[in-house]
Protein backbone atom coordinates (compact mmCIF):
# COMPACT_ATOMS: atom_id res chain seq x y z
CA UNK A 1 -108.12 -40.37 61.26
CA UNK A 2 -108.29 -42.69 63.29
CA UNK A 3 -106.08 -43.09 66.75
CA UNK A 4 -106.10 -45.87 68.66
CA UNK A 5 -104.02 -46.50 71.90
CA UNK A 6 -103.30 -50.10 73.28
CA UNK A 7 -103.81 -50.77 77.08
CA UNK A 8 -103.13 -53.72 79.22
CA UNK A 9 -106.07 -53.82 81.96
CA UNK A 10 -105.82 -56.61 85.03
CA UNK A 11 -108.52 -57.34 87.30
CA UNK A 12 -108.31 -58.85 90.57
CA UNK A 13 -110.25 -59.90 93.40
CA UNK A 14 -109.40 -60.84 97.13
CA UNK A 15 -111.88 -63.53 98.65
CA UNK A 16 -112.40 -65.05 101.85
CA UNK A 17 -114.14 -68.03 102.15
CA UNK A 18 -115.62 -67.56 98.52
CA UNK A 19 -116.81 -64.11 99.18
CA UNK A 20 -115.25 -61.04 97.49
CA UNK A 21 -114.04 -58.79 99.72
CA UNK A 22 -112.03 -56.68 97.81
CA UNK A 23 -112.57 -55.94 94.01
CA UNK A 24 -109.23 -54.40 92.22
CA UNK A 25 -108.19 -53.16 88.57
CA UNK A 26 -105.38 -51.79 86.83
CA UNK A 27 -105.15 -49.95 83.74
CA UNK A 28 -101.56 -49.51 82.37
CA UNK A 29 -101.28 -47.64 78.99
CA UNK A 30 -98.76 -48.99 76.72
CA UNK A 31 -97.61 -45.12 75.56
CA UNK A 32 -96.80 -44.72 79.17
CA UNK A 33 -96.70 -48.02 80.67
CA UNK A 34 -97.31 -46.43 83.91
CA UNK A 35 -100.57 -48.17 85.23
CA UNK A 36 -103.18 -46.99 88.24
CA UNK A 37 -104.59 -49.14 90.62
CA UNK A 38 -108.10 -49.25 91.76
CA UNK A 39 -109.65 -50.74 94.65
CA UNK A 40 -112.70 -51.40 95.98
CA UNK A 41 -113.87 -53.04 99.24
CA UNK A 42 -117.39 -54.80 98.69
CA UNK A 43 -117.44 -55.96 101.97
CA UNK A 44 -116.38 -53.73 104.84
CA UNK A 45 -116.98 -56.81 107.73
CA UNK A 46 -114.76 -59.34 106.20
CA UNK A 47 -112.35 -56.47 105.41
CA UNK A 48 -111.80 -55.85 108.97
CA UNK A 49 -111.92 -59.39 110.32
CA UNK A 50 -109.04 -60.54 107.35
CA UNK A 51 -107.45 -57.08 106.94
CA UNK A 52 -103.67 -59.20 106.80
CA UNK A 53 -105.21 -61.23 104.21
CA UNK A 54 -106.70 -58.99 102.12
CA UNK A 55 -103.74 -56.44 102.39
CA UNK A 56 -101.38 -59.32 101.48
CA UNK A 57 -103.70 -60.31 98.34
CA UNK A 58 -103.51 -56.28 97.46
CA UNK A 59 -99.79 -56.44 97.44
CA UNK A 60 -99.62 -59.23 95.26
CA UNK A 61 -101.88 -57.94 93.09
CA UNK A 62 -99.52 -54.66 92.92
CA UNK A 63 -96.30 -56.70 92.75
CA UNK A 64 -98.04 -58.14 89.47
CA UNK A 65 -98.85 -54.76 88.11
CA UNK A 66 -95.11 -53.47 88.50
CA UNK A 67 -93.91 -56.62 87.11
CA UNK A 68 -95.93 -55.73 83.98
CA UNK A 69 -95.14 -52.05 83.90
CA UNK A 70 -91.23 -53.21 84.06
CA UNK A 71 -91.86 -55.79 81.20
CA UNK A 72 -93.07 -52.72 79.05
CA UNK A 73 -90.06 -50.67 80.06
CA UNK A 74 -87.74 -53.31 79.09
CA UNK A 75 -89.49 -53.89 75.86
CA UNK A 76 -89.26 -50.23 75.15
CA UNK A 77 -85.28 -49.43 75.74
CA UNK A 78 -83.59 -49.04 72.73
CA UNK A 79 -79.89 -50.28 72.54
């Protein structure tokens, strides 16, 4: 028997001067609507020199994930 699941995958990067500093990804399964967020620092030197901007980008990505989680929760509410 086939069993399948649906999920939303998001990918993003924080870039400084065209160089990827941090890669971000999130997977949100539609059955739970609760995602996870992973981040990988690809350039530690640029990260250290630009923490404020990079952390702002990470926060924006996190907000995007939360917004999608909230959309999924609203869709699953039965009135």
